[in-house]
Amino acid sequence: MSENTCGARQPGWETGPAIGRHRIPCVLDTGHTDDHANAFGDKWENDAERNEEWQDAWAEVLSELMYALAEQVRGGAVTLDTAAQIYSQTSAGAFGVDYATQYLTDIVAERMLSELGN
């Protein structure tokens, strides 16, 4: 999902079956005011308040992911290439996960410097 994509989920996606169309996020541009639509063309009501709550929750999840990823890089359990792939597949920057992203960047830089020194 890009930072220009809405990404809102259908109500109840958290409690429904683990696999299904109801889990596919909205693919419309960020800030759209009409109903949400996923890649299959399924539509649901655009609830701006719920979207804001969802984005806050997603930012928290991404933040935790970035911190955990940084610790795995620091401990040597995750390679720098893998960390870069994971980071590029998230939209952490789009959700303002600045502190966690900076932490990950610092840890990656620290690891790179230590590998260059060996």
N, C-alpha and C. Protein backbone atom coordinates (compact mmCIF):
# COMPACT_ATOMS: atom_id res chain seq x y z
N MET A 1 0.85 -1.17 0.00
CA MET A 1 0.00 0.00 0.00
C MET A 1 0.90 1.24 0.00
N SER A 2 0.59 2.20 -0.83
CA SER A 2 1.42 3.40 -0.90
C SER A 2 0.88 4.47 0.04
N GLU A 3 1.69 5.49 0.25
CA GLU A 3 1.25 6.57 1.13
C GLU A 3 0.13 7.40 0.49
N ASN A 4 -0.11 7.21 -0.79
CA ASN A 4 -1.18 7.92 -1.49
C ASN A 4 -2.47 7.12 -1.55
N THR A 5 -2.48 5.97 -0.90
CA THR A 5 -3.65 5.10 -0.90
C THR A 5 -4.36 5.20 0.44
N CYS A 6 -5.68 5.22 0.41
CA CYS A 6 -6.48 5.35 1.63
C CYS A 6 -6.16 4.26 2.64
N GLY A 7 -6.33 3.00 2.26
CA GLY A 7 -5.99 1.89 3.14
C GLY A 7 -7.01 1.53 4.19
N ALA A 8 -8.15 2.22 4.23
CA ALA A 8 -9.18 1.92 5.23
C ALA A 8 -9.71 0.51 5.03
N ARG A 9 -10.10 -0.13 6.11
CA ARG A 9 -10.65 -1.49 6.04
C ARG A 9 -12.15 -1.47 6.30
N GLN A 10 -12.82 -2.49 5.84
CA GLN A 10 -14.26 -2.59 6.06
C GLN A 10 -14.53 -2.81 7.55
N PRO A 11 -15.63 -2.25 8.05
CA PRO A 11 -15.97 -2.47 9.46
C PRO A 11 -16.07 -3.96 9.75
N GLY A 12 -15.48 -4.36 10.88
CA GLY A 12 -15.53 -5.76 11.29
C GLY A 12 -14.43 -6.63 10.73
N TRP A 13 -13.49 -6.04 9.97
CA TRP A 13 -12.44 -6.86 9.36
C TRP A 13 -11.57 -7.51 10.43
N GLU A 14 -11.46 -6.88 11.61
CA GLU A 14 -10.60 -7.40 12.67
C GLU A 14 -11.15 -8.68 13.27
N THR A 15 -12.47 -8.84 13.27
CA THR A 15 -13.08 -9.97 13.96
C THR A 15 -13.61 -11.05 13.02
N GLY A 16 -13.57 -10.79 11.74
CA GLY A 16 -14.08 -11.77 10.77
C GLY A 16 -13.09 -12.88 10.51
N PRO A 17 -13.37 -13.70 9.53
CA PRO A 17 -12.44 -14.78 9.17
C PRO A 17 -11.07 -14.23 8.79
N ALA A 18 -10.03 -15.01 9.00
CA ALA A 18 -8.66 -14.57 8.74
C ALA A 18 -8.38 -14.32 7.27
N ILE A 19 -9.11 -14.99 6.40
CA ILE A 19 -8.92 -14.82 4.97
C ILE A 19 -10.25 -14.41 4.35
N GLY A 20 -10.20 -13.43 3.48
CA GLY A 20 -11.43 -13.04 2.80
C GLY A 20 -11.35 -11.64 2.23
N ARG A 21 -12.28 -11.36 1.34
CA ARG A 21 -12.32 -10.06 0.67
C ARG A 21 -12.54 -8.91 1.64
N HIS A 22 -13.20 -9.19 2.76
CA HIS A 22 -13.49 -8.15 3.74
C HIS A 22 -12.22 -7.57 4.36
N ARG A 23 -11.10 -8.24 4.20
CA ARG A 23 -9.83 -7.77 4.77
C ARG A 23 -9.03 -6.90 3.80
N ILE A 24 -9.45 -6.84 2.54
CA ILE A 24 -8.72 -6.07 1.53
C ILE A 24 -8.99 -4.58 1.76
N PRO A 25 -7.93 -3.75 1.88
CA PRO A 25 -8.11 -2.32 2.17
C PRO A 25 -8.59 -1.52 0.96
N CYS A 26 -9.03 -0.32 1.24
CA CYS A 26 -9.46 0.62 0.21
C CYS A 26 -8.25 1.02 -0.64
N VAL A 27 -8.45 1.03 -1.95
CA VAL A 27 -7.36 1.36 -2.87
C VAL A 27 -7.51 2.76 -3.49
N LEU A 28 -8.49 3.51 -3.02
CA LEU A 28 -8.68 4.86 -3.55
C LEU A 28 -7.64 5.81 -2.96
N ASP A 29 -7.54 6.99 -3.55
CA ASP A 29 -6.57 7.98 -3.09
C ASP A 29 -6.86 8.43 -1.66
N THR A 30 -5.80 8.76 -0.94
CA THR A 30 -5.94 9.31 0.40
C THR A 30 -6.79 10.57 0.35
N GLY A 31 -7.68 10.72 1.31
CA GLY A 31 -8.50 11.92 1.39
C GLY A 31 -9.76 11.89 0.53
N HIS A 32 -10.04 10.78 -0.13
CA HIS A 32 -11.26 10.73 -0.94
C HIS A 32 -12.48 10.86 -0.01
N THR A 33 -13.58 11.39 -0.54
CA THR A 33 -14.77 11.60 0.29
C THR A 33 -15.93 10.69 -0.07
N ASP A 34 -15.80 9.99 -1.19
CA ASP A 34 -16.88 9.06 -1.56
C ASP A 34 -16.66 7.73 -0.83
N ASP A 35 -17.50 6.75 -1.09
CA ASP A 35 -17.39 5.46 -0.42
C ASP A 35 -16.04 4.81 -0.72
N HIS A 36 -15.59 3.96 0.21
CA HIS A 36 -14.36 3.20 0.02
C HIS A 36 -14.60 2.09 -1.00
N ALA A 37 -13.52 1.65 -1.63
CA ALA A 37 -13.60 0.51 -2.57
C ALA A 37 -12.28 -0.24 -2.53
N ASN A 38 -12.37 -1.57 -2.48
CA ASN A 38 -11.15 -2.37 -2.52
C ASN A 38 -10.83 -2.76 -3.96
N ALA A 39 -9.78 -3.55 -4.13
CA ALA A 39 -9.33 -3.92 -5.47
C ALA A 39 -10.34 -4.80 -6.21
N PHE A 40 -11.28 -5.41 -5.47
CA PHE A 40 -12.31 -6.23 -6.09
C PHE A 40 -13.54 -5.42 -6.46
N GLY A 41 -13.54 -4.14 -6.11
CA GLY A 41 -14.70 -3.29 -6.40
C GLY A 41 -15.76 -3.33 -5.32
N ASP A 42 -15.51 -4.05 -4.22
CA ASP A 42 -16.44 -4.03 -3.09
C ASP A 42 -16.42 -2.63 -2.48
N LYS A 43 -17.59 -2.11 -2.15
CA LYS A 43 -17.68 -0.74 -1.61
C LYS A 43 -18.30 -0.77 -0.22
N TRP A 44 -17.89 0.22 0.59
CA TRP A 44 -18.48 0.40 1.92
C TRP A 44 -18.41 1.87 2.30
N GLU A 45 -19.22 2.24 3.28
CA GLU A 45 -19.38 3.65 3.67
C GLU A 45 -18.06 4.24 4.16
N ASN A 46 -17.83 5.49 3.78
CA ASN A 46 -16.65 6.23 4.20
C ASN A 46 -16.96 6.91 5.53
N ASP A 47 -16.43 6.37 6.61
CA ASP A 47 -16.63 6.91 7.95
C ASP A 47 -15.32 7.56 8.38
N ALA A 48 -15.22 8.87 8.22
CA ALA A 48 -13.96 9.59 8.46
C ALA A 48 -13.44 9.39 9.89
N GLU A 49 -14.33 9.37 10.87
CA GLU A 49 -13.89 9.19 12.26
C GLU A 49 -13.27 7.81 12.45
N ARG A 50 -13.91 6.80 11.89
CA ARG A 50 -13.38 5.44 11.98
C ARG A 50 -12.04 5.34 11.24
N ASN A 51 -11.92 6.02 10.10
CA ASN A 51 -10.67 6.00 9.36
C ASN A 51 -9.53 6.58 10.18
N GLU A 52 -9.82 7.68 10.87
CA GLU A 52 -8.79 8.30 11.70
C GLU A 52 -8.36 7.36 12.82
N GLU A 53 -9.33 6.70 13.45
CA GLU A 53 -9.01 5.73 14.50
C GLU A 53 -8.16 4.60 13.93
N TRP A 54 -8.53 4.13 12.74
CA TRP A 54 -7.80 3.05 12.10
C TRP A 54 -6.37 3.48 11.80
N GLN A 55 -6.20 4.69 11.28
CA GLN A 55 -4.86 5.15 10.95
C GLN A 55 -4.01 5.29 12.20
N ASP A 56 -4.59 5.75 13.30
CA ASP A 56 -3.85 5.84 14.56
C ASP A 56 -3.42 4.45 15.02
N ALA A 57 -4.32 3.49 14.93
CA ALA A 57 -4.00 2.12 15.34
C ALA A 57 -2.92 1.53 14.44
N TRP A 58 -3.02 1.77 13.15
CA TRP A 58 -2.04 1.26 12.20
C TRP A 58 -0.67 1.88 12.45
N ALA A 59 -0.64 3.17 12.76
CA ALA A 59 0.63 3.83 13.06
C ALA A 59 1.28 3.19 14.29
N GLU A 60 0.47 2.83 15.28
CA GLU A 60 1.00 2.18 16.48
C GLU A 60 1.58 0.80 16.14
N VAL A 61 0.87 0.04 15.32
CA VAL A 61 1.35 -1.28 14.91
C VAL A 61 2.66 -1.15 14.13
N LEU A 62 2.70 -0.21 13.19
CA LEU A 62 3.92 -0.02 12.40
C LEU A 62 5.09 0.43 13.27
N SER A 63 4.79 1.26 14.25
CA SER A 63 5.83 1.72 15.17
C SER A 63 6.42 0.53 15.92
N GLU A 64 5.56 -0.33 16.44
CA GLU A 64 6.04 -1.52 17.15
C GLU A 64 6.84 -2.42 16.21
N LEU A 65 6.39 -2.55 14.97
CA LEU A 65 7.12 -3.35 13.99
C LEU A 65 8.51 -2.78 13.74
N MET A 66 8.62 -1.47 13.59
CA MET A 66 9.92 -0.86 13.33
C MET A 66 10.87 -1.06 14.51
N TYR A 67 10.35 -0.91 15.74
CA TYR A 67 11.19 -1.13 16.92
C TYR A 67 11.65 -2.59 17.00
N ALA A 68 10.73 -3.52 16.77
CA ALA A 68 11.07 -4.94 16.81
C ALA A 68 12.07 -5.30 15.72
N LEU A 69 11.87 -4.75 14.55
CA LEU A 69 12.78 -4.99 13.43
C LEU A 69 14.18 -4.47 13.76
N ALA A 70 14.24 -3.29 14.34
CA ALA A 70 15.53 -2.71 14.73
C ALA A 70 16.25 -3.61 15.72
N GLU A 71 15.53 -4.13 16.68
CA GLU A 71 16.15 -5.02 17.67
C GLU A 71 16.65 -6.31 17.02
N GLN A 72 15.92 -6.82 16.03
CA GLN A 72 16.35 -8.02 15.33
C GLN A 72 17.60 -7.74 14.50
N VAL A 73 17.68 -6.55 13.92
CA VAL A 73 18.88 -6.16 13.16
C VAL A 73 20.05 -6.04 14.13
N ARG A 74 19.80 -5.39 15.25
CA ARG A 74 20.87 -5.19 16.25
C ARG A 74 21.42 -6.53 16.73
N GLY A 75 20.54 -7.49 16.96
CA GLY A 75 20.97 -8.79 17.46
C GLY A 75 21.52 -9.72 16.38
N GLY A 76 21.44 -9.32 15.14
CA GLY A 76 21.98 -10.13 14.06
C GLY A 76 21.02 -11.18 13.53
N ALA A 77 19.79 -11.19 14.02
CA ALA A 77 18.81 -12.20 13.58
C ALA A 77 18.21 -11.86 12.22
N VAL A 78 18.30 -10.59 11.83
CA VAL A 78 17.75 -10.14 10.55
C VAL A 78 18.85 -9.42 9.79
N THR A 79 19.01 -9.76 8.52
CA THR A 79 20.02 -9.09 7.70
C THR A 79 19.54 -7.69 7.33
N LEU A 80 20.46 -6.88 6.92
CA LEU A 80 20.11 -5.52 6.50
C LEU A 80 19.21 -5.54 5.27
N ASP A 81 19.45 -6.47 4.36
CA ASP A 81 18.61 -6.59 3.17
C ASP A 81 17.18 -6.93 3.54
N THR A 82 17.02 -7.87 4.47
CA THR A 82 15.68 -8.25 4.91
C THR A 82 14.99 -7.08 5.60
N ALA A 83 15.72 -6.37 6.43
CA ALA A 83 15.15 -5.19 7.11
C ALA A 83 14.68 -4.16 6.10
N ALA A 84 15.48 -3.95 5.06
CA ALA A 84 15.12 -2.98 4.02
C ALA A 84 13.86 -3.42 3.28
N GLN A 85 13.76 -4.72 3.00
CA GLN A 85 12.57 -5.23 2.32
C GLN A 85 11.33 -5.07 3.18
N ILE A 86 11.44 -5.40 4.46
CA ILE A 86 10.29 -5.28 5.35
C ILE A 86 9.87 -3.82 5.45
N TYR A 87 10.84 -2.94 5.64
CA TYR A 87 10.51 -1.52 5.77
C TYR A 87 9.85 -0.98 4.50
N SER A 88 10.38 -1.37 3.34
CA SER A 88 9.84 -0.84 2.09
C SER A 88 8.43 -1.34 1.82
N GLN A 89 8.06 -2.46 2.42
CA GLN A 89 6.73 -3.01 2.21
C GLN A 89 5.70 -2.46 3.19
N THR A 90 6.14 -1.64 4.12
CA THR A 90 5.21 -0.99 5.04
C THR A 90 5.03 0.45 4.59
N SER A 91 4.08 1.11 5.15
CA SER A 91 3.88 2.52 4.85
C SER A 91 4.15 3.34 6.10
N ALA A 92 5.22 3.00 6.81
CA ALA A 92 5.53 3.65 8.08
C ALA A 92 5.66 5.16 7.93
N GLY A 93 6.36 5.60 6.89
CA GLY A 93 6.52 7.04 6.70
C GLY A 93 5.21 7.75 6.48
N ALA A 94 4.30 7.12 5.81
CA ALA A 94 3.01 7.73 5.50
C ALA A 94 2.15 7.92 6.74
N PHE A 95 2.40 7.11 7.76
CA PHE A 95 1.60 7.20 8.97
C PHE A 95 2.32 7.94 10.09
N GLY A 96 3.40 8.58 9.78
CA GLY A 96 4.09 9.39 10.77
C GLY A 96 4.79 8.60 11.85
N VAL A 97 5.33 7.46 11.52
CA VAL A 97 6.02 6.65 12.51
C VAL A 97 7.48 7.12 12.54
N ASP A 98 7.65 8.39 12.86
CA ASP A 98 8.96 9.02 12.75
C ASP A 98 9.97 8.50 13.75
N TYR A 99 9.59 8.39 15.04
CA TYR A 99 10.55 7.96 16.05
C TYR A 99 11.01 6.53 15.80
N ALA A 100 10.07 5.65 15.49
CA ALA A 100 10.43 4.25 15.24
C ALA A 100 11.27 4.12 13.98
N THR A 101 10.92 4.87 12.96
CA THR A 101 11.70 4.83 11.72
C THR A 101 13.11 5.34 11.98
N GLN A 102 13.23 6.41 12.74
CA GLN A 102 14.55 6.94 13.06
C GLN A 102 15.36 5.93 13.87
N TYR A 103 14.69 5.26 14.81
CA TYR A 103 15.35 4.24 15.62
C TYR A 103 15.88 3.12 14.73
N LEU A 104 15.04 2.64 13.81
CA LEU A 104 15.46 1.59 12.89
C LEU A 104 16.63 2.07 12.05
N THR A 105 16.55 3.28 11.54
CA THR A 105 17.63 3.84 10.73
C THR A 105 18.93 3.89 11.52
N ASP A 106 18.85 4.32 12.77
CA ASP A 106 20.05 4.39 13.63
C ASP A 106 20.66 3.01 13.86
N ILE A 107 19.79 2.02 14.13
CA ILE A 107 20.28 0.67 14.37
C ILE A 107 20.90 0.08 13.11
N VAL A 108 20.27 0.30 11.97
CA VAL A 108 20.81 -0.19 10.71
C VAL A 108 22.17 0.46 10.44
N ALA A 109 22.26 1.76 10.66
CA ALA A 109 23.54 2.46 10.45
C ALA A 109 24.60 1.90 11.40
N GLU A 110 24.22 1.68 12.64
CA GLU A 110 25.15 1.11 13.64
C GLU A 110 25.64 -0.26 13.17
N ARG A 111 24.73 -1.08 12.68
CA ARG A 111 25.07 -2.43 12.23
C ARG A 111 25.97 -2.36 10.99
N MET A 112 25.65 -1.46 10.08
CA MET A 112 26.46 -1.33 8.87
C MET A 112 27.89 -0.92 9.24
N LEU A 113 28.03 0.02 10.16
CA LEU A 113 29.35 0.47 10.58
C LEU A 113 30.13 -0.66 11.24
N SER A 114 29.44 -1.46 12.06
CA SER A 114 30.12 -2.57 12.72
C SER A 114 30.56 -3.62 11.69
N GLU A 115 29.75 -3.86 10.66
CA GLU A 115 30.13 -4.82 9.62
C GLU A 115 31.29 -4.31 8.78
N LEU A 116 31.34 -3.00 8.56
CA LEU A 116 32.45 -2.42 7.81
C LEU A 116 33.75 -2.52 8.61
N GLY A 117 33.62 -2.43 9.92
CA GLY A 117 34.80 -2.51 10.80
C GLY A 117 35.38 -3.90 10.91
N ASN A 118 34.59 -4.92 10.59
CA ASN A 118 35.06 -6.33 10.73
C ASN A 118 35.76 -6.80 9.50
